[in-house]
């Protein structure tokens, strides 16, 4: 696996053995919530912390499956290349998410790329080490499968939206989704911290067409621009557009 650009934060074995799992990253993952203290400690002992800059690959499509990433902080886009080599984002992993789980389960090469959207900190565990842990804690396998099913449901929902909604409606829905998960500029306005390229990849359109829609929203004061970031100024108007209740289309 290609990790040349990532910075690996080394932790020696004696330090790992002294880690207090009660205050460790492992408790930020619902998948491991009900694991025994011994299993949590074993997870800690068998992971390496890696840091990635914006735009760096955690996974490249076609690489041999090698392990699973536990995202501690930052955002990672899970994407494929579609028609005309246009990027299509399947989903975005954030703190508490696992990346590489499906390839670990089916033991096949990675069928997607995983790229840092912003600075990312992740713990990585080799497949061989995770399999040994699963043999000791069989119930954990069910939790991993549940986690994978939830992600597949997310992708299925997105594909359904793409097939049943216009790009303008999808854009409004995406802005609402991002706004609901991230920081506010103030009590009214929500910060959109995704690039236009990434938003276009989410809804399967071109950067130029998305820019045209965002310009329309900005002209209508639905969006504002602050310090080179988009700000949602009128969430109610976006909701109407997302539901198809705003009948005005782009010229």
C-alpha atoms as a PDB file:
ATOM      1  CA  UNK A   1       0.000   0.000   0.000  1.00  0.00           C
ATOM      2  CA  UNK A   2       1.263   3.461  -0.869  1.00  0.00           C
ATOM      3  CA  UNK A   3       1.741   5.643   2.206  1.00  0.00           C
ATOM      4  CA  UNK A   4       4.887   7.520   1.221  1.00  0.00           C
ATOM      5  CA  UNK A   5       3.512  10.968   1.923  1.00  0.00           C
ATOM      6  CA  UNK A   6       1.788  10.234   5.198  1.00  0.00           C
ATOM      7  CA  UNK A   7       3.454  10.971   8.486  1.00  0.00           C
ATOM      8  CA  UNK A   8       3.460   7.942  10.755  1.00  0.00           C
ATOM      9  CA  UNK A   9       3.331   8.805  14.439  1.00  0.00           C
ATOM     10  CA  UNK A  10       5.353   6.045  16.034  1.00  0.00           C
ATOM     11  CA  UNK A  11       4.439   4.628  19.412  1.00  0.00           C
ATOM     12  CA  UNK A  12       6.748   2.072  20.977  1.00  0.00           C
ATOM     13  CA  UNK A  13       5.424  -1.107  22.546  1.00  0.00           C
ATOM     14  CA  UNK A  14       5.995   0.005  26.126  1.00  0.00           C
ATOM     15  CA  UNK A  15       4.022   3.201  25.512  1.00  0.00           C
ATOM     16  CA  UNK A  16       1.170   1.216  23.942  1.00  0.00           C
ATOM     17  CA  UNK A  17       0.972  -1.142  26.895  1.00  0.00           C
ATOM     18  CA  UNK A  18       0.548   1.832  29.203  1.00  0.00           C
ATOM     19  CA  UNK A  19      -2.293   3.412  27.190  1.00  0.00           C
ATOM     20  CA  UNK A  20      -5.459   3.930  29.195  1.00  0.00           C
ATOM     21  CA  UNK A  21      -8.143   2.612  26.855  1.00  0.00           C
ATOM     22  CA  UNK A  22     -10.835   4.482  28.811  1.00  0.00           C
ATOM     23  CA  UNK A  23      -9.546   7.777  27.404  1.00  0.00           C
ATOM     24  CA  UNK A  24      -8.319   6.487  24.061  1.00  0.00           C
ATOM     25  CA  UNK A  25      -9.489   6.935  20.461  1.00  0.00           C
ATOM     26  CA  UNK A  26     -11.024   3.452  20.434  1.00  0.00           C
ATOM     27  CA  UNK A  27     -13.986   4.695  22.501  1.00  0.00           C
ATOM     28  CA  UNK A  28     -14.937   7.166  19.740  1.00  0.00           C
ATOM     29  CA  UNK A  29     -15.974   4.244  17.533  1.00  0.00           C
ATOM     30  CA  UNK A  30     -19.442   2.793  18.119  1.00  0.00           C
ATOM     31  CA  UNK A  31     -18.267  -0.481  16.547  1.00  0.00           C
ATOM     32  CA  UNK A  32     -15.970  -1.089  19.530  1.00  0.00           C
ATOM     33  CA  UNK A  33     -18.210   0.346  22.242  1.00  0.00           C
ATOM     34  CA  UNK A  34     -19.138  -3.001  23.812  1.00  0.00           C
ATOM     35  CA  UNK A  35     -15.783  -4.693  23.390  1.00  0.00           C
ATOM     36  CA  UNK A  36     -14.000  -5.960  26.479  1.00  0.00           C
ATOM     37  CA  UNK A  37     -11.123  -3.903  27.945  1.00  0.00           C
ATOM     38  CA  UNK A  38      -8.709  -6.613  26.769  1.00  0.00           C
ATOM     39  CA  UNK A  39      -9.886  -6.378  23.150  1.00  0.00           C
ATOM     40  CA  UNK A  40      -9.752  -2.571  23.221  1.00  0.00           C
ATOM     41  CA  UNK A  41      -6.193  -2.747  24.518  1.00  0.00           C
ATOM     42  CA  UNK A  42      -5.283  -5.233  21.781  1.00  0.00           C
ATOM     43  CA  UNK A  43      -6.719  -2.900  19.141  1.00  0.00           C
ATOM     44  CA  UNK A  44      -4.585  -0.089  20.546  1.00  0.00           C
ATOM     45  CA  UNK A  45      -1.476  -2.276  20.579  1.00  0.00           C
ATOM     46  CA  UNK A  46      -1.923  -3.328  16.943  1.00  0.00           C
ATOM     47  CA  UNK A  47      -2.659   0.029  15.304  1.00  0.00           C
ATOM     48  CA  UNK A  48      -0.374   2.726  13.965  1.00  0.00           C
ATOM     49  CA  UNK A  49      -1.408   6.364  13.889  1.00  0.00           C
ATOM     50  CA  UNK A  50      -0.950   8.066  10.533  1.00  0.00           C
ATOM     51  CA  UNK A  51      -1.466  11.665   9.486  1.00  0.00           C
ATOM     52  CA  UNK A  52      -2.379  12.840   5.978  1.00  0.00           C
ATOM     53  CA  UNK A  53      -2.427  16.286   4.404  1.00  0.00           C
ATOM     54  CA  UNK A  54      -5.269  17.548   2.230  1.00  0.00           C
ATOM     55  CA  UNK A  55      -5.287  15.697  -1.102  1.00  0.00           C
ATOM     56  CA  UNK A  56      -3.195  12.729   0.054  1.00  0.00           C
ATOM     57  CA  UNK A  57      -4.347   9.173  -0.587  1.00  0.00           C
ATOM     58  CA  UNK A  58      -5.067   6.770   2.238  1.00  0.00           C
ATOM     59  CA  UNK A  59      -6.122   4.187  -0.351  1.00  0.00           C
ATOM     60  CA  UNK A  60      -5.690   4.025  -4.128  1.00  0.00           C
ATOM     61  CA  UNK A  61      -8.138   2.079  -6.262  1.00  0.00           C
ATOM     62  CA  UNK A  62      -6.736  -1.263  -7.405  1.00  0.00           C
ATOM     63  CA  UNK A  63      -4.273  -1.633  -4.532  1.00  0.00           C
ATOM     64  CA  UNK A  64      -4.204  -4.967  -2.743  1.00  0.00           C
ATOM     65  CA  UNK A  65      -6.301  -4.995   0.417  1.00  0.00           C
ATOM     66  CA  UNK A  66      -4.009  -4.569   3.417  1.00  0.00           C
ATOM     67  CA  UNK A  67      -6.009  -3.336   6.401  1.00  0.00           C
ATOM     68  CA  UNK A  68      -8.584  -0.963   7.849  1.00  0.00           C
ATOM     69  CA  UNK A  69      -8.388   2.715   8.780  1.00  0.00           C
ATOM     70  CA  UNK A  70     -10.128   4.147  11.850  1.00  0.00           C
ATOM     71  CA  UNK A  71     -10.643   7.876  11.236  1.00  0.00           C
ATOM     72  CA  UNK A  72      -9.870   9.945  14.331  1.00  0.00           C
ATOM     73  CA  UNK A  73     -10.182  13.435  12.860  1.00  0.00           C
ATOM     74  CA  UNK A  74     -10.627  15.133   9.496  1.00  0.00           C
ATOM     75  CA  UNK A  75     -12.663  14.051   6.465  1.00  0.00           C
ATOM     76  CA  UNK A  76     -11.896  11.431   3.815  1.00  0.00           C
ATOM     77  CA  UNK A  77     -13.761  11.139   0.508  1.00  0.00           C
ATOM     78  CA  UNK A  78     -14.423   7.617  -0.748  1.00  0.00           C
ATOM     79  CA  UNK A  79     -14.626   7.931  -4.521  1.00  0.00           C
ATOM     80  CA  UNK A  80     -14.511   6.223  -7.907  1.00  0.00           C
ATOM     81  CA  UNK A  81     -13.957   7.418 -11.451  1.00  0.00           C
ATOM     82  CA  UNK A  82     -17.075   7.281 -13.583  1.00  0.00           C
ATOM     83  CA  UNK A  83     -17.799   8.010 -17.236  1.00  0.00           C
ATOM     84  CA  UNK A  84     -15.145  10.244 -18.772  1.00  0.00           C
ATOM     85  CA  UNK A  85     -12.982   9.696 -15.668  1.00  0.00           C
ATOM     86  CA  UNK A  86     -15.242  12.060 -13.717  1.00  0.00           C
ATOM     87  CA  UNK A  87     -14.945  11.587  -9.979  1.00  0.00           C
ATOM     88  CA  UNK A  88     -18.013  10.334  -8.139  1.00  0.00           C
ATOM     89  CA  UNK A  89     -17.950  10.489  -4.332  1.00  0.00           C
ATOM     90  CA  UNK A  90     -19.674   7.520  -2.722  1.00  0.00           C
ATOM     91  CA  UNK A  91     -19.542   8.870   0.837  1.00  0.00           C
ATOM     92  CA  UNK A  92     -17.366  10.896   3.196  1.00  0.00           C
ATOM     93  CA  UNK A  93     -15.724   9.329   6.239  1.00  0.00           C
ATOM     94  CA  UNK A  94     -15.343  11.463   9.346  1.00  0.00           C
ATOM     95  CA  UNK A  95     -14.327  10.966  12.966  1.00  0.00           C
ATOM     96  CA  UNK A  96     -15.583   7.584  14.181  1.00  0.00           C
ATOM     97  CA  UNK A  97     -15.829   6.007  10.710  1.00  0.00           C
ATOM     98  CA  UNK A  98     -13.998   2.956   9.364  1.00  0.00           C
ATOM     99  CA  UNK A  99     -12.478   2.917   5.869  1.00  0.00           C
ATOM    100  CA  UNK A 100     -11.487  -0.209   3.949  1.00  0.00           C
ATOM    101  CA  UNK A 101     -13.935  -2.503   5.709  1.00  0.00           C
ATOM    102  CA  UNK A 102     -15.588  -3.993   2.613  1.00  0.00           C
ATOM    103  CA  UNK A 103     -12.259  -4.981   1.050  1.00  0.00           C
ATOM    104  CA  UNK A 104     -11.193  -6.489   4.373  1.00  0.00           C
ATOM    105  CA  UNK A 105     -14.353  -8.606   4.523  1.00  0.00           C
ATOM    106  CA  UNK A 106     -14.288  -9.855   0.916  1.00  0.00           C
ATOM    107  CA  UNK A 107     -10.465  -9.994   0.764  1.00  0.00           C
ATOM    108  CA  UNK A 108     -10.309  -8.250  -2.609  1.00  0.00           C
ATOM    109  CA  UNK A 109      -8.375  -5.275  -3.969  1.00  0.00           C
ATOM    110  CA  UNK A 110      -9.692  -1.822  -3.106  1.00  0.00           C
ATOM    111  CA  UNK A 111     -12.454  -0.844  -5.540  1.00  0.00           C
ATOM    112  CA  UNK A 112     -12.298   2.870  -4.651  1.00  0.00           C
ATOM    113  CA  UNK A 113      -9.885   5.578  -3.584  1.00  0.00           C
ATOM    114  CA  UNK A 114      -9.842   7.256  -0.171  1.00  0.00           C
ATOM    115  CA  UNK A 115      -8.490  10.822  -0.231  1.00  0.00           C
ATOM    116  CA  UNK A 116      -8.085  13.345   2.586  1.00  0.00           C
ATOM    117  CA  UNK A 117     -10.380  16.355   2.111  1.00  0.00           C
ATOM    118  CA  UNK A 118      -8.580  18.196   4.900  1.00  0.00           C
ATOM    119  CA  UNK A 119      -5.832  17.173   7.373  1.00  0.00           C
ATOM    120  CA  UNK A 120      -6.650  13.662   8.581  1.00  0.00           C
ATOM    121  CA  UNK A 121      -5.496  11.613  11.544  1.00  0.00           C
ATOM    122  CA  UNK A 122      -6.246   7.893  11.360  1.00  0.00           C
ATOM    123  CA  UNK A 123      -5.298   4.648  13.048  1.00  0.00           C
ATOM    124  CA  UNK A 124      -4.394   1.783  10.724  1.00  0.00           C
ATOM    125  CA  UNK A 125      -4.526  -1.921  11.537  1.00  0.00           C
ATOM    126  CA  UNK A 126      -3.211  -4.712   9.323  1.00  0.00           C
ATOM    127  CA  UNK A 127      -5.775  -7.254   8.148  1.00  0.00           C
ATOM    128  CA  UNK A 128      -3.814 -10.116   9.704  1.00  0.00           C
ATOM    129  CA  UNK A 129      -3.892  -8.423  13.129  1.00  0.00           C
ATOM    130  CA  UNK A 130      -7.592  -7.569  12.897  1.00  0.00           C
ATOM    131  CA  UNK A 131      -8.448 -11.158  11.937  1.00  0.00           C
ATOM    132  CA  UNK A 132      -6.643 -12.438  15.040  1.00  0.00           C
ATOM    133  CA  UNK A 133      -8.660 -10.051  17.211  1.00  0.00           C
ATOM    134  CA  UNK A 134     -11.922 -11.158  15.577  1.00  0.00           C
ATOM    135  CA  UNK A 135     -11.119 -14.773  16.429  1.00  0.00           C
ATOM    136  CA  UNK A 136     -10.990 -13.764  20.088  1.00  0.00           C
ATOM    137  CA  UNK A 137     -14.122 -11.580  19.905  1.00  0.00           C
ATOM    138  CA  UNK A 138     -16.544 -13.135  17.351  1.00  0.00           C
ATOM    139  CA  UNK A 139     -19.325 -10.666  18.236  1.00  0.00           C
ATOM    140  CA  UNK A 140     -17.134  -7.877  16.850  1.00  0.00           C
ATOM    141  CA  UNK A 141     -17.565  -9.383  13.359  1.00  0.00           C
ATOM    142  CA  UNK A 142     -21.315  -8.703  13.559  1.00  0.00           C
ATOM    143  CA  UNK A 143     -20.624  -5.076  14.537  1.00  0.00           C
ATOM    144  CA  UNK A 144     -18.263  -4.662  11.582  1.00  0.00           C
ATOM    145  CA  UNK A 145     -20.854  -6.086   9.164  1.00  0.00           C
ATOM    146  CA  UNK A 146     -23.501  -3.755  10.627  1.00  0.00           C
ATOM    147  CA  UNK A 147     -21.154  -0.806  10.077  1.00  0.00           C
ATOM    148  CA  UNK A 148     -20.649  -1.852   6.448  1.00  0.00           C
ATOM    149  CA  UNK A 149     -24.402  -2.250   5.884  1.00  0.00           C
ATOM    150  CA  UNK A 150     -25.017   1.272   7.178  1.00  0.00           C
ATOM    151  CA  UNK A 151     -22.553   2.667   4.649  1.00  0.00           C
ATOM    152  CA  UNK A 152     -24.152   0.667   1.829  1.00  0.00           C
ATOM    153  CA  UNK A 153     -27.547   2.088   2.840  1.00  0.00           C
ATOM    154  CA  UNK A 154     -26.069   5.596   2.664  1.00  0.00           C
ATOM    155  CA  UNK A 155     -24.755   4.959  -0.853  1.00  0.00           C
ATOM    156  CA  UNK A 156     -28.072   3.416  -1.918  1.00  0.00           C
ATOM    157  CA  UNK A 157     -29.953   6.484  -0.657  1.00  0.00           C
ATOM    158  CA  UNK A 158     -27.636   8.784  -2.599  1.00  0.00           C
ATOM    159  CA  UNK A 159     -28.057   6.812  -5.821  1.00  0.00           C
ATOM    160  CA  UNK A 160     -31.838   6.933  -5.403  1.00  0.00           C
ATOM    161  CA  UNK A 161     -31.658  10.715  -5.009  1.00  0.00           C
ATOM    162  CA  UNK A 162     -29.489  11.071  -8.084  1.00  0.00           C
ATOM    163  CA  UNK A 163     -31.944   9.098 -10.201  1.00  0.00           C
ATOM    164  CA  UNK A 164     -35.035  10.896  -8.907  1.00  0.00           C
ATOM    165  CA  UNK A 165     -33.997  14.530  -8.410  1.00  0.00           C
ATOM    166  CA  UNK A 166     -32.728  17.321 -10.606  1.00  0.00           C
ATOM    167  CA  UNK A 167     -29.178  18.568 -10.082  1.00  0.00           C
ATOM    168  CA  UNK A 168     -30.485  21.820  -8.605  1.00  0.00           C
ATOM    169  CA  UNK A 169     -32.515  19.914  -5.999  1.00  0.00           C
ATOM    170  CA  UNK A 170     -29.592  17.603  -5.226  1.00  0.00           C
ATOM    171  CA  UNK A 171     -27.329  20.615  -4.732  1.00  0.00           C
ATOM    172  CA  UNK A 172     -29.754  22.162  -2.240  1.00  0.00           C
ATOM    173  CA  UNK A 173     -30.059  18.867  -0.368  1.00  0.00           C
ATOM    174  CA  UNK A 174     -26.271  18.464  -0.248  1.00  0.00           C
ATOM    175  CA  UNK A 175     -25.813  21.981   1.141  1.00  0.00           C
ATOM    176  CA  UNK A 176     -28.379  21.250   3.861  1.00  0.00           C
ATOM    177  CA  UNK A 177     -26.640  17.972   4.711  1.00  0.00           C
ATOM    178  CA  UNK A 178     -23.223  19.629   5.002  1.00  0.00           C
ATOM    179  CA  UNK A 179     -24.642  22.542   6.996  1.00  0.00           C
ATOM    180  CA  UNK A 180     -26.306  20.215   9.493  1.00  0.00           C
ATOM    181  CA  UNK A 181     -23.019  18.464  10.307  1.00  0.00           C
ATOM    182  CA  UNK A 182     -20.527  21.294  10.477  1.00  0.00           C
ATOM    183  CA  UNK A 183     -19.711  24.632  12.048  1.00  0.00           C
ATOM    184  CA  UNK A 184     -21.849  27.761  12.077  1.00  0.00           C
ATOM    185  CA  UNK A 185     -20.618  31.243  11.359  1.00  0.00           C
ATOM    186  CA  UNK A 186     -23.257  32.464  13.831  1.00  0.00           C
ATOM    187  CA  UNK A 187     -26.701  31.377  15.081  1.00  0.00           C
ATOM    188  CA  UNK A 188     -28.238  31.761  11.621  1.00  0.00           C
ATOM    189  CA  UNK A 189     -25.543  31.028   9.060  1.00  0.00           C
ATOM    190  CA  UNK A 190     -23.873  27.676   8.317  1.00  0.00           C
ATOM    191  CA  UNK A 191     -20.364  27.245   6.886  1.00  0.00           C
ATOM    192  CA  UNK A 192     -19.898  24.994   3.822  1.00  0.00           C
ATOM    193  CA  UNK A 193     -16.365  23.623   4.102  1.00  0.00           C
ATOM    194  CA  UNK A 194     -16.306  21.472   0.947  1.00  0.00           C
ATOM    195  CA  UNK A 195     -14.715  22.495  -2.339  1.00  0.00           C
ATOM    196  CA  UNK A 196     -16.822  22.938  -5.482  1.00  0.00           C
ATOM    197  CA  UNK A 197     -14.962  19.977  -7.019  1.00  0.00           C
ATOM    198  CA  UNK A 198     -15.940  17.720  -4.132  1.00  0.00           C
ATOM    199  CA  UNK A 199     -19.558  18.888  -4.117  1.00  0.00           C
ATOM    200  CA  UNK A 200     -19.762  18.228  -7.862  1.00  0.00           C
ATOM    201  CA  UNK A 201     -18.377  14.739  -7.215  1.00  0.00           C
ATOM    202  CA  UNK A 202     -21.092  14.138  -4.652  1.00  0.00           C
ATOM    203  CA  UNK A 203     -23.970  14.773  -7.026  1.00  0.00           C
ATOM    204  CA  UNK A 204     -22.386  13.520 -10.225  1.00  0.00           C
ATOM    205  CA  UNK A 205     -22.277  16.779 -12.164  1.00  0.00           C
ATOM    206  CA  UNK A 206     -19.595  19.030 -13.623  1.00  0.00           C
ATOM    207  CA  UNK A 207     -17.822  21.754 -11.704  1.00  0.00           C
ATOM    208  CA  UNK A 208     -19.029  24.368 -14.225  1.00  0.00           C
ATOM    209  CA  UNK A 209     -22.698  23.421 -13.917  1.00  0.00           C
ATOM    210  CA  UNK A 210     -22.535  23.326 -10.134  1.00  0.00           C
ATOM    211  CA  UNK A 211     -20.869  26.735 -10.142  1.00  0.00           C
ATOM    212  CA  UNK A 212     -23.797  28.054 -12.179  1.00  0.00           C
ATOM    213  CA  UNK A 213     -26.267  26.763  -9.578  1.00  0.00           C
ATOM    214  CA  UNK A 214     -24.247  28.157  -6.668  1.00  0.00           C
ATOM    215  CA  UNK A 215     -24.059  31.535  -8.427  1.00  0.00           C
ATOM    216  CA  UNK A 216     -27.844  31.540  -8.726  1.00  0.00           C
ATOM    217  CA  UNK A 217     -28.200  30.745  -5.003  1.00  0.00           C
ATOM    218  CA  UNK A 218     -25.711  33.478  -4.157  1.00  0.00           C
ATOM    219  CA  UNK A 219     -27.528  36.054  -6.300  1.00  0.00           C
ATOM    220  CA  UNK A 220     -30.729  35.201  -4.428  1.00  0.00           C
ATOM    221  CA  UNK A 221     -28.931  35.620  -1.067  1.00  0.00           C
ATOM    222  CA  UNK A 222     -29.574  31.977  -0.224  1.00  0.00           C
ATOM    223  CA  UNK A 223     -25.793  31.669  -0.010  1.00  0.00           C
ATOM    224  CA  UNK A 224     -23.195  34.232   1.023  1.00  0.00           C
ATOM    225  CA  UNK A 225     -19.421  34.298   0.561  1.00  0.00           C
ATOM    226  CA  UNK A 226     -17.319  34.949   3.671  1.00  0.00           C
ATOM    227  CA  UNK A 227     -13.518  34.615   3.769  1.00  0.00           C
ATOM    228  CA  UNK A 228     -13.668  32.605   0.520  1.00  0.00           C
ATOM    229  CA  UNK A 229     -16.112  30.114   2.034  1.00  0.00           C
ATOM    230  CA  UNK A 230     -19.748  29.562   1.146  1.00  0.00           C
ATOM    231  CA  UNK A 231     -22.233  30.333   3.899  1.00  0.00           C
ATOM    232  CA  UNK A 232     -25.832  29.078   3.956  1.00  0.00           C
ATOM    233  CA  UNK A 233     -27.874  32.203   4.655  1.00  0.00           C
ATOM    234  CA  UNK A 234     -31.396  30.856   4.073  1.00  0.00           C
ATOM    235  CA  UNK A 235     -31.865  27.217   5.062  1.00  0.00           C
ATOM    236  CA  UNK A 236     -35.655  27.470   4.560  1.00  0.00           C
ATOM    237  CA  UNK A 237     -35.259  28.466   0.905  1.00  0.00           C
ATOM    238  CA  UNK A 238     -32.824  25.594   0.358  1.00  0.00           C
ATOM    239  CA  UNK A 239     -35.325  23.170   1.904  1.00  0.00           C
ATOM    240  CA  UNK A 240     -38.006  24.247  -0.563  1.00  0.00           C
ATOM    241  CA  UNK A 241     -35.630  23.748  -3.481  1.00  0.00           C
ATOM    242  CA  UNK A 242     -34.509  20.349  -2.184  1.00  0.00           C
ATOM    243  CA  UNK A 243     -38.151  19.199  -1.978  1.00  0.00           C
ATOM    244  CA  UNK A 244     -38.893  20.463  -5.492  1.00  0.00           C
ATOM    245  CA  UNK A 245     -41.324  23.066  -4.167  1.00  0.00           C
ATOM    246  CA  UNK A 246     -39.353  25.914  -5.691  1.00  0.00           C
ATOM    247  CA  UNK A 247     -40.324  25.654  -9.353  1.00  0.00           C
ATOM    248  CA  UNK A 248     -37.843  28.217 -10.673  1.00  0.00           C
ATOM    249  CA  UNK A 249     -35.173  26.605 -12.809  1.00  0.00           C
ATOM    250  CA  UNK A 250     -31.912  27.846 -14.218  1.00  0.00           C
ATOM    251  CA  UNK A 251     -32.194  29.570 -17.536  1.00  0.00           C
END
